Amino acid sequence: MKAFSGGMYVAALLIAGLSGCVGGTVAVPEVGGRIANPVAEVENLAADIEKGRINQLDVFSPTLFAEASRSFSQARLALQQGAPLADVAQGVVKSRAQLRQAEENALIVRSMMPETIKAREQARKAGAETLKADYQKVEGDFLELTHAVETSNLNKAQKRKAEVTRAFDELELAAIKDRYLKDSRDLIATAEKEGAAKQAPASYQEARRQLEAAETFIAGNRYQNDEIEGKAAGAEFYANRLLQITRQSKAYRGRAPEDIALEMERMLFRISDEMGAGDLRNRSFESQSENLAAVAGQTRERNIYLEKTLQEQSSTLETLSRQEKSIREQWQTEKRFNDAFAEIQKLFHPAEAEVSKQGANLVIRLKTIQFPIGKSFLLPENFELLGRVQKSIGLFDNPIVTIEGHTDSTGTVQANEKLSMDRAAAVEEYLIANRTVAPDHISSRGYGSSRPLAANETSQGRAINRRIDVIIKPASAPTSPRG
């Protein structure tokens, strides 16, 4: 017969299920034809077989996938043994047809029983495979379901999937309990073998109660990991306690009451001596225990007080350390600023520039910078003076520089404001062009004749008022002078 298409195969299975058909064998399509490169096809088929295994085709379509794997192995063996390429091609085509049917069957399984598949995944994630025989039984039941789909026995798969889903759900719960409570169960089992029920009945009942409480909590809250860990830790504590009490009870069995009392006295006295609680062996065990508890409480309170005092002192020390660091940094900043100020003063003669401090800023007032009358371009004779301005700015690390232009009162207010602005901008452009300061760290402005230093009635006064102020604001502490 001819090979089924994917849609025809799925339709055939669904029709078989709807009609109540059961049993039957898996049909393998007849194959024929040739393939261009059998060697490459065998390699590609190997990758697809492995991909199918990763996608669990061996679980969702076990028989068909096994047949596809077997046909692939035969084709690969034929290729290795030098069989005719037509035989190799026949095996590859046959394996691919079976693999395609396995994929189509897996689609049906996934669509028919998503809850069962999810329950299986959850159980495996919880570690159900460690339960071995129990897991293998349920896994076998699941494989029967997927095989029933392969053989078109959809009624069987439909009827049993709820049962298998419940089984996987129970496996998941059992795996979670085993992961969290196995140690507690083992400890209780060991204690039981050592006679816990008889030697320490009250402790035995308490350990059993704690374990059952943890199991009950897990049954109703299987995904609340933090809370489960807390319950499991409590159960393990009481299981360990049971084992210790059982062994102590057995150790004291048959001993004289006085021997037991003297041993208890020795233990209490050793603790009292270590804690400096005094010798109270002339009192009852209860009095000795109460005294130890009181001393322990006092020690705890003293430790709390000492810890609090230490924290306060540490906080005070940190505050003082920060203050000391701040003062030291401030002093170093001021020292570097003053050193730079002194260095800059040496660069200029008082007649050509006045160097002063204005708050945190340093101001270089250029008295002798010259511009043509009514013009704003720089004359070459100014370059040497501006070179020393560049060197002054270079004494600071990434400063903010402002260039202020001023004129005398000759001319109109508007003309003087524009002229002062243009002259300040010319100095700004010069400093940027010579890479003295970054463009975003320098600005310029003009004040015209609004801020005179001398009377404008005399030529000497007007000369004083025509000036450029270079204001340097350190962004951080000045660095050592650069040559």
Protein backbone atom coordinates (compact mmCIF):
# COMPACT_ATOMS: atom_id res chain seq x y z
CA MET A 1 0.00 0.00 0.00
CA LYS A 2 1.08 3.60 -0.45
CA ALA A 3 2.46 5.71 2.40
CA PHE A 4 -0.11 7.65 4.44
CA SER A 5 0.12 11.42 4.50
CA GLY A 6 0.27 13.01 7.97
CA GLY A 7 -3.34 14.17 7.87
CA MET A 8 -4.65 10.83 6.55
CA TYR A 9 -2.86 8.93 9.32
CA VAL A 10 -4.25 11.14 12.10
CA ALA A 11 -7.71 10.96 10.57
CA ALA A 12 -7.48 7.18 10.36
CA LEU A 13 -6.58 6.89 14.03
CA LEU A 14 -9.35 9.25 15.09
CA ILE A 15 -11.93 7.41 12.99
CA ALA A 16 -10.78 4.12 14.48
CA GLY A 17 -11.21 5.54 17.97
CA LEU A 18 -14.65 6.98 17.28
CA SER A 19 -15.86 3.70 15.83
CA GLY A 20 -14.72 1.81 18.93
CA CYS A 21 -12.14 -0.21 17.06
CA VAL A 22 -9.64 -1.98 19.34
CA GLY A 23 -6.54 -4.03 18.76
CA GLY A 24 -4.78 -4.16 15.43
CA THR A 25 -1.15 -3.73 14.43
CA VAL A 26 0.82 -0.69 13.45
CA ALA A 27 0.90 -0.33 9.69
CA VAL A 28 4.27 0.41 8.08
CA PRO A 29 3.96 2.17 4.72
CA GLU A 30 5.57 0.64 1.70
CA VAL A 31 8.58 2.64 0.58
CA GLY A 32 10.40 3.07 -2.64
CA GLY A 33 12.39 5.52 -4.68
CA ARG A 34 15.93 6.73 -4.34
CA ILE A 35 17.74 9.37 -2.34
CA ALA A 36 20.51 11.56 -3.69
CA ASN A 37 23.16 11.09 -1.00
CA PRO A 38 22.65 8.04 1.25
CA VAL A 39 25.69 8.85 3.42
CA ALA A 40 24.43 12.35 4.24
CA GLU A 41 20.89 11.04 4.70
CA VAL A 42 22.05 8.47 7.26
CA GLU A 43 23.82 11.23 9.21
CA ASN A 44 20.75 13.49 9.06
CA LEU A 45 18.52 10.61 10.10
CA ALA A 46 20.75 9.92 13.11
CA ALA A 47 20.25 13.53 14.24
CA ASP A 48 16.48 13.29 13.74
CA ILE A 49 16.29 10.03 15.69
CA GLU A 50 18.14 11.69 18.58
CA LYS A 51 15.86 14.73 18.34
CA GLY A 52 12.87 12.40 18.49
CA ARG A 53 14.23 10.80 21.65
CA ILE A 54 14.70 14.25 23.20
CA ASN A 55 11.07 15.02 22.28
CA GLN A 56 10.07 11.77 24.04
CA LEU A 57 8.81 9.94 20.96
CA ASP A 58 10.11 6.78 22.63
CA VAL A 59 7.49 7.43 25.33
CA PHE A 60 4.59 8.93 23.38
CA SER A 61 4.94 6.48 20.48
CA PRO A 62 7.15 3.66 21.77
CA THR A 63 6.51 0.96 19.16
CA LEU A 64 6.75 3.19 16.10
CA PHE A 65 9.83 4.96 17.43
CA ALA A 66 11.48 1.62 18.22
CA GLU A 67 10.76 0.45 14.66
CA ALA A 68 12.14 3.71 13.23
CA SER A 69 15.28 3.30 15.36
CA ARG A 70 15.65 -0.32 14.27
CA SER A 71 15.28 0.55 10.58
CA PHE A 72 17.83 3.33 11.02
CA SER A 73 20.31 0.95 12.67
CA GLN A 74 19.88 -1.51 9.79
CA ALA A 75 20.45 1.24 7.21
CA ARG A 76 23.56 2.46 9.00
CA LEU A 77 24.92 -1.08 9.29
CA ALA A 78 24.27 -1.67 5.58
CA LEU A 79 26.18 1.51 4.77
CA GLN A 80 29.10 0.49 6.99
CA GLN A 81 29.25 -2.97 5.40
CA GLY A 82 29.29 -1.57 1.88
CA ALA A 83 25.84 -2.82 0.86
CA PRO A 84 24.28 -1.44 -2.34
CA LEU A 85 23.24 2.17 -1.88
CA ALA A 86 19.73 1.26 -3.00
CA ASP A 87 19.41 -0.97 0.08
CA VAL A 88 20.71 1.84 2.29
CA ALA A 89 18.25 4.26 0.71
CA GLN A 90 15.42 1.78 1.25
CA GLY A 91 16.26 1.59 4.97
CA VAL A 92 16.49 5.37 5.34
CA VAL A 93 13.15 5.96 3.62
CA LYS A 94 11.51 3.25 5.72
CA SER A 95 12.92 4.69 8.97
CA ARG A 96 11.78 8.19 8.06
CA ALA A 97 8.27 6.98 7.31
CA GLN A 98 8.12 5.22 10.69
CA LEU A 99 9.58 8.28 12.43
CA ARG A 100 6.95 10.48 10.78
CA GLN A 101 4.20 8.14 11.97
CA ALA A 102 5.70 8.24 15.48
CA GLU A 103 5.57 12.04 15.44
CA GLU A 104 1.94 12.00 14.28
CA ASN A 105 1.03 9.50 16.98
CA ALA A 106 2.78 11.65 19.60
CA LEU A 107 0.62 14.60 18.52
CA ILE A 108 -2.50 12.54 19.18
CA VAL A 109 -1.17 11.45 22.59
CA ARG A 110 -0.41 15.05 23.55
CA SER A 111 -3.85 16.22 22.48
CA MET A 112 -5.68 13.32 24.17
CA MET A 113 -4.00 13.32 27.58
CA PRO A 114 -2.36 16.68 28.42
CA GLU A 115 -3.24 16.32 32.12
CA THR A 116 -1.60 12.89 32.27
CA ILE A 117 1.55 14.17 30.56
CA LYS A 118 1.72 17.14 32.92
CA ALA A 119 1.27 14.89 35.96
CA ARG A 120 4.09 12.67 34.67
CA GLU A 121 6.40 15.65 34.17
CA GLN A 122 5.62 16.96 37.67
CA ALA A 123 6.31 13.55 39.19
CA ARG A 124 9.65 13.24 37.38
CA LYS A 125 10.57 16.79 38.37
CA ALA A 126 9.87 15.93 42.01
CA GLY A 127 12.27 12.97 41.75
CA ALA A 128 9.75 10.14 41.41
CA GLU A 129 12.28 8.04 39.49
CA THR A 130 14.13 7.49 42.78
CA LEU A 131 11.11 5.52 43.98
CA LYS A 132 12.16 2.84 41.47
CA ALA A 133 9.58 0.02 41.54
CA ASP A 134 6.61 2.32 42.20
CA TYR A 135 7.70 4.66 39.43
CA GLN A 136 8.41 1.85 36.98
CA LYS A 137 4.91 0.44 37.48
CA VAL A 138 3.17 3.75 36.77
CA GLU A 139 5.53 4.48 33.87
CA GLY A 140 4.64 1.06 32.45
CA ASP A 141 0.93 1.90 32.70
CA PHE A 142 1.58 5.15 30.85
CA LEU A 143 3.44 3.34 28.06
CA GLU A 144 0.45 1.02 27.72
CA LEU A 145 -1.72 4.10 27.11
CA THR A 146 0.56 5.49 24.41
CA HIS A 147 0.83 2.05 22.80
CA ALA A 148 -2.97 1.81 22.81
CA VAL A 149 -3.07 5.02 20.77
CA GLU A 150 -0.52 3.54 18.37
CA THR A 151 -2.75 0.52 17.80
CA SER A 152 -5.87 2.68 17.38
CA ASN A 153 -7.28 1.46 20.70
CA LEU A 154 -8.35 4.95 21.70
CA ASN A 155 -11.17 3.72 23.93
CA LYS A 156 -8.70 1.95 26.20
CA ALA A 157 -6.48 5.02 26.38
CA GLN A 158 -9.48 7.24 27.11
CA LYS A 159 -10.74 4.99 29.92
CA ARG A 160 -7.42 4.56 31.74
CA LYS A 161 -5.82 8.00 31.42
CA ALA A 162 -7.53 9.39 34.56
CA GLU A 163 -6.27 6.44 36.59
CA VAL A 164 -2.69 6.93 35.35
CA THR A 165 -2.93 10.68 35.98
CA ARG A 166 -3.87 10.03 39.61
CA ALA A 167 -1.04 7.54 39.95
CA PHE A 168 1.52 10.08 38.73
CA ASP A 169 0.03 12.70 41.07
CA GLU A 170 0.44 10.30 44.00
CA LEU A 171 3.98 9.53 42.87
CA GLU A 172 4.82 13.23 42.85
CA LEU A 173 3.52 13.64 46.40
CA ALA A 174 5.40 10.54 47.55
CA ALA A 175 8.62 11.84 45.96
CA ILE A 176 8.26 15.24 47.67
CA LYS A 177 7.66 13.57 51.03
CA ASP A 178 10.60 11.28 50.48
CA ARG A 179 12.89 14.19 49.61
CA TYR A 180 12.00 16.18 52.71
CA LEU A 181 11.19 13.49 55.26
CA LYS A 182 13.43 10.55 54.38
CA ASP A 183 15.99 11.40 57.07
CA SER A 184 13.28 11.71 59.72
CA ARG A 185 11.75 8.40 58.68
CA ASP A 186 15.14 6.69 58.76
CA LEU A 187 15.91 8.07 62.22
CA ILE A 188 12.56 6.90 63.60
CA ALA A 189 13.04 3.49 61.97
CA THR A 190 16.47 3.20 63.62
CA ALA A 191 14.98 4.22 66.96
CA GLU A 192 12.22 1.63 66.54
CA LYS A 193 14.81 -1.10 65.95
CA GLU A 194 16.55 -0.01 69.14
CA GLY A 195 13.31 -0.33 71.13
CA ALA A 196 12.03 3.26 71.14
CA ALA A 197 8.38 2.26 71.60
CA LYS A 198 9.27 0.56 74.89
CA GLN A 199 12.27 2.58 76.08
CA ALA A 200 10.91 6.07 75.28
CA PRO A 201 7.17 5.80 74.53
CA ALA A 202 6.34 9.49 75.06
CA SER A 203 9.23 10.67 72.90
CA TYR A 204 8.31 8.05 70.31
CA GLN A 205 4.73 9.30 70.11
CA GLU A 206 5.90 12.92 69.83
CA ALA A 207 8.33 12.09 67.01
CA ARG A 208 5.59 10.18 65.17
CA ARG A 209 3.20 13.10 65.67
CA GLN A 210 5.69 15.61 64.25
CA LEU A 211 6.36 13.39 61.24
CA GLU A 212 2.66 12.89 60.55
CA ALA A 213 2.04 16.63 60.88
CA ALA A 214 4.76 17.30 58.30
CA GLU A 215 3.31 14.67 55.96
CA THR A 216 -0.17 16.16 56.30
CA PHE A 217 1.13 19.66 55.58
CA ILE A 218 2.99 18.48 52.48
CA ALA A 219 -0.11 16.68 51.23
CA GLY A 220 -2.02 19.95 51.21
CA ASN A 221 0.82 22.32 50.31
CA ARG A 222 3.24 20.38 48.16
CA TYR A 223 4.69 23.45 46.39
CA GLN A 224 5.28 25.68 49.45
CA ASN A 225 8.95 24.80 49.73
CA ASP A 226 9.96 27.21 52.50
CA GLU A 227 7.16 26.12 54.81
CA ILE A 228 7.82 22.46 54.01
CA GLU A 229 11.48 22.86 54.91
CA GLY A 230 10.45 24.29 58.29
CA LYS A 231 8.09 21.38 58.99
CA ALA A 232 10.69 18.86 57.84
CA ALA A 233 13.35 20.42 60.09
CA GLY A 234 11.00 20.14 63.07
CA ALA A 235 10.24 16.50 62.29
CA GLU A 236 13.94 15.70 61.97
CA PHE A 237 14.68 17.43 65.28
CA TYR A 238 12.16 15.28 67.16
CA ALA A 239 13.29 12.14 65.33
CA ASN A 240 16.89 12.80 66.40
CA ARG A 241 15.70 13.55 69.91
CA LEU A 242 13.84 10.25 70.01
CA LEU A 243 16.94 8.33 69.00
CA GLN A 244 19.08 10.04 71.65
CA ILE A 245 16.52 9.54 74.43
CA THR A 246 16.09 5.89 73.42
CA ARG A 247 19.83 5.30 73.64
CA GLN A 248 20.15 7.19 76.93
CA SER A 249 17.26 5.21 78.38
CA LYS A 250 18.93 1.96 77.36
CA ALA A 251 22.24 3.16 78.80
CA TYR A 252 20.66 3.88 82.19
CA ARG A 253 18.67 0.66 82.26
CA GLY A 254 19.77 -1.55 85.16
CA ARG A 255 21.82 1.15 86.86
CA ALA A 256 21.26 2.09 90.49
CA PRO A 257 19.18 5.26 91.02
CA GLU A 258 22.04 6.85 93.00
CA ASP A 259 24.47 6.34 90.10
CA ILE A 260 22.04 8.05 87.75
CA ALA A 261 21.56 10.95 90.18
CA LEU A 262 25.32 11.39 90.67
CA GLU A 263 25.91 11.47 86.91
CA MET A 264 23.23 14.12 86.51
CA GLU A 265 24.85 16.07 89.35
CA ARG A 266 28.27 15.89 87.65
CA MET A 267 26.84 17.22 84.39
CA LEU A 268 25.06 20.11 86.11
CA PHE A 269 28.13 20.99 88.18
CA ARG A 270 30.40 20.99 85.14
CA ILE A 271 28.11 23.50 83.44
CA SER A 272 27.81 25.61 86.62
CA ASP A 273 31.57 25.69 87.01
CA GLU A 274 32.11 26.78 83.39
CA MET A 275 29.52 29.56 83.76
CA GLY A 276 30.75 30.70 87.17
CA ALA A 277 27.34 29.96 88.69
CA GLY A 278 28.70 28.58 91.96
CA ASP A 279 28.52 25.16 93.56
CA LEU A 280 24.86 24.32 94.18
CA ARG A 281 25.18 20.56 94.54
CA ASN A 282 23.54 20.84 97.94
CA ARG A 283 20.30 21.83 96.20
CA SER A 284 17.81 19.96 94.09
CA PHE A 285 18.40 19.40 90.39
CA GLU A 286 15.50 21.73 89.66
CA SER A 287 17.08 24.53 91.73
CA GLN A 288 20.41 24.00 90.01
CA SER A 289 18.73 24.16 86.60
CA GLU A 290 16.87 27.35 87.52
CA ASN A 291 20.11 28.93 88.72
CA LEU A 292 21.86 28.01 85.46
CA ALA A 293 18.97 29.47 83.48
CA ALA A 294 19.17 32.71 85.50
CA VAL A 295 22.94 33.00 84.96
CA ALA A 296 22.49 32.27 81.26
CA GLY A 297 19.82 34.98 81.07
CA GLN A 298 22.12 37.50 82.76
CA THR A 299 24.94 36.56 80.41
CA ARG A 300 22.65 36.97 77.42
CA GLU A 301 21.50 40.41 78.61
CA ARG A 302 25.10 41.45 79.21
CA ASN A 303 26.06 40.27 75.74
CA ILE A 304 23.16 42.21 74.24
CA TYR A 305 24.26 45.33 76.12
CA LEU A 306 27.88 44.89 75.04
CA GLU A 307 26.86 44.30 71.45
CA LYS A 308 24.69 47.42 71.48
CA THR A 309 27.52 49.45 73.05
CA LEU A 310 29.95 48.11 70.47
CA GLN A 311 27.58 49.04 67.65
CA GLU A 312 27.19 52.56 69.05
CA GLN A 313 30.94 52.95 69.41
CA SER A 314 31.49 51.60 65.91
CA SER A 315 28.93 54.06 64.57
CA THR A 316 30.61 56.93 66.42
CA LEU A 317 34.01 55.83 65.15
CA GLU A 318 32.71 55.68 61.58
CA THR A 319 31.23 59.16 61.93
CA LEU A 320 34.49 60.54 63.30
CA SER A 321 36.41 58.78 60.56
CA ARG A 322 34.18 60.32 57.89
CA GLN A 323 34.53 63.74 59.48
CA GLU A 324 38.30 63.38 59.70
CA LYS A 325 38.44 62.31 56.07
CA SER A 326 36.24 65.22 55.02
CA ILE A 327 38.37 67.72 56.96
CA ARG A 328 41.57 66.25 55.53
CA GLU A 329 40.20 66.38 51.99
CA GLN A 330 38.97 69.93 52.51
CA TRP A 331 42.37 70.98 53.84
CA GLN A 332 44.13 69.31 50.92
CA THR A 333 41.73 70.98 48.48
CA GLU A 334 42.35 74.38 49.99
CA LYS A 335 46.09 73.80 50.04
CA ARG A 336 46.16 72.82 46.37
CA PHE A 337 43.97 75.80 45.52
CA ASN A 338 46.28 78.16 47.42
CA ASP A 339 49.35 76.59 45.81
CA ALA A 340 47.78 77.07 42.38
CA PHE A 341 46.83 80.65 43.28
CA ALA A 342 50.41 81.44 44.29
CA GLU A 343 51.73 79.82 41.11
CA ILE A 344 49.35 81.84 38.92
CA GLN A 345 50.28 85.09 40.66
CA LYS A 346 53.86 84.47 39.58
CA LEU A 347 52.78 84.17 35.94
CA PHE A 348 51.48 87.75 35.65
CA HIS A 349 52.95 91.16 36.38
CA PRO A 350 50.52 93.27 38.44
CA ALA A 351 50.42 95.82 35.64
CA GLU A 352 49.12 93.30 33.08
CA ALA A 353 46.77 91.18 35.19
CA GLU A 354 45.29 91.09 38.65
CA VAL A 355 44.92 87.61 40.21
CA SER A 356 42.44 87.32 43.08
CA LYS A 357 40.18 84.90 44.95
CA GLN A 358 36.42 85.31 44.91
CA GLY A 359 34.96 82.64 47.19
CA ALA A 360 35.81 79.25 45.69
CA ASN A 361 36.73 80.88 42.36
CA LEU A 362 39.99 82.28 41.07
CA VAL A 363 39.78 85.41 38.90
CA ILE A 364 42.40 86.60 36.41
CA ARG A 365 41.59 90.19 35.41
CA LEU A 366 43.41 90.89 32.14
CA LYS A 367 44.25 94.60 32.09
CA THR A 368 46.46 94.78 29.02
CA ILE A 369 44.60 92.60 26.54
CA GLN A 370 44.14 94.74 23.43
CA PHE A 371 41.47 94.84 20.72
CA PRO A 372 41.19 97.23 17.77
CA ILE A 373 38.80 100.10 18.50
CA GLY A 374 35.24 98.87 18.12
CA LYS A 375 36.43 95.37 17.08
CA SER A 376 36.44 91.96 18.76
CA PHE A 377 39.15 89.93 17.00
CA LEU A 378 42.32 89.06 18.89
CA LEU A 379 45.62 90.67 17.96
CA PRO A 380 48.78 88.51 17.78
CA GLU A 381 50.39 90.50 20.58
CA ASN A 382 47.75 89.05 22.94
CA PHE A 383 48.74 85.42 22.33
CA GLU A 384 51.63 85.38 24.82
CA LEU A 385 49.36 86.76 27.55
CA LEU A 386 46.65 84.24 26.68
CA GLY A 387 49.26 81.48 26.75
CA ARG A 388 49.81 82.23 30.43
CA VAL A 389 46.03 82.14 30.92
CA GLN A 390 46.07 78.68 29.35
CA LYS A 391 48.79 77.58 31.74
CA SER A 392 46.79 78.94 34.68
CA ILE A 393 43.69 77.01 33.68
CA GLY A 394 45.84 73.90 33.23
CA LEU A 395 46.73 73.98 36.93
CA PHE A 396 43.16 72.84 37.70
CA ASP A 397 41.53 69.50 37.01
CA ASN A 398 38.62 69.95 34.60
CA PRO A 399 37.49 73.39 35.86
CA ILE A 400 34.48 75.45 34.81
CA VAL A 401 35.67 78.63 33.08
CA THR A 402 33.69 81.80 32.47
CA ILE A 403 34.97 84.65 30.27
CA GLU A 404 33.49 88.08 31.07
CA GLY A 405 33.90 91.05 28.73
CA HIS A 406 33.74 94.72 29.86
CA THR A 407 33.98 98.05 27.98
CA ASP A 408 34.17 101.72 28.83
CA SER A 409 31.15 103.99 28.41
CA THR A 410 32.10 105.26 24.96
CA GLY A 411 29.27 104.48 22.54
CA THR A 412 25.72 103.32 23.15
CA VAL A 413 24.72 100.83 25.83
CA GLN A 414 23.56 98.30 23.22
CA ALA A 415 26.76 98.61 21.18
CA ASN A 416 28.95 98.22 24.27
CA GLU A 417 27.05 95.13 25.44
CA LYS A 418 27.46 93.49 22.02
CA LEU A 419 31.12 94.46 21.78
CA SER A 420 31.90 93.10 25.25
CA MET A 421 30.06 89.87 24.42
CA ASP A 422 31.92 89.45 21.13
CA ARG A 423 35.31 90.06 22.75
CA ALA A 424 34.59 87.55 25.53
CA ALA A 425 33.46 85.05 22.89
CA ALA A 426 36.71 85.59 20.96
CA VAL A 427 38.74 84.63 24.04
CA GLU A 428 36.46 81.64 24.62
CA GLU A 429 36.94 80.43 21.04
CA TYR A 430 40.71 80.86 21.34
CA LEU A 431 40.87 78.71 24.47
CA ILE A 432 38.66 76.02 22.91
CA ALA A 433 40.69 76.03 19.69
CA ASN A 434 43.89 75.52 21.69
CA ARG A 435 42.29 72.69 23.69
CA THR A 436 42.71 74.50 26.96
CA VAL A 437 39.23 73.60 28.15
CA ALA A 438 36.39 71.43 26.87
CA PRO A 439 33.58 73.28 25.05
CA ASP A 440 31.01 72.19 27.63
CA HIS A 441 33.15 73.58 30.46
CA ILE A 442 33.51 77.15 29.22
CA SER A 443 31.09 80.01 28.59
CA SER A 444 31.28 83.72 27.88
CA ARG A 445 29.15 86.77 28.59
CA GLY A 446 29.35 90.53 28.10
CA TYR A 447 28.43 93.30 30.54
CA GLY A 448 29.22 96.33 28.40
CA SER A 449 29.98 99.35 30.59
CA SER A 450 27.63 98.31 33.42
CA ARG A 451 30.42 97.24 35.81
CA PRO A 452 33.12 99.93 35.74
CA LEU A 453 36.16 99.76 37.99
CA ALA A 454 37.07 103.42 37.52
CA ALA A 455 35.48 106.65 36.35
CA ASN A 456 34.94 106.83 32.60
CA GLU A 457 35.62 110.59 32.52
CA THR A 458 39.37 110.08 32.06
CA SER A 459 41.30 108.10 29.48
CA GLN A 460 43.08 106.27 32.29
CA GLY A 461 39.76 105.27 33.86
CA ARG A 462 38.35 104.12 30.53
CA ALA A 463 41.48 102.00 29.94
CA ILE A 464 40.96 100.28 33.30
CA ASN A 465 37.31 99.55 32.49
CA ARG A 466 38.19 97.92 29.15
CA ARG A 467 39.12 94.45 30.35
CA ILE A 468 38.55 90.67 30.17
CA ASP A 469 37.94 88.68 33.37
CA VAL A 470 38.75 84.95 33.34
CA ILE A 471 36.87 83.22 36.18
CA ILE A 472 38.07 79.71 37.06
CA LYS A 473 35.83 77.50 39.19
CA PRO A 474 37.59 74.23 40.16
CA ALA A 475 35.39 71.19 39.53
CA SER A 476 37.65 69.32 41.95
CA ALA A 477 40.86 69.93 43.81
CA PRO A 478 43.59 71.61 41.70
CA THR A 479 46.32 69.29 40.52
CA SER A 480 50.04 69.89 40.72
CA PRO A 481 51.21 72.65 38.35
CA ARG A 482 52.00 71.47 34.84
CA GLY A 483 54.78 73.00 32.80
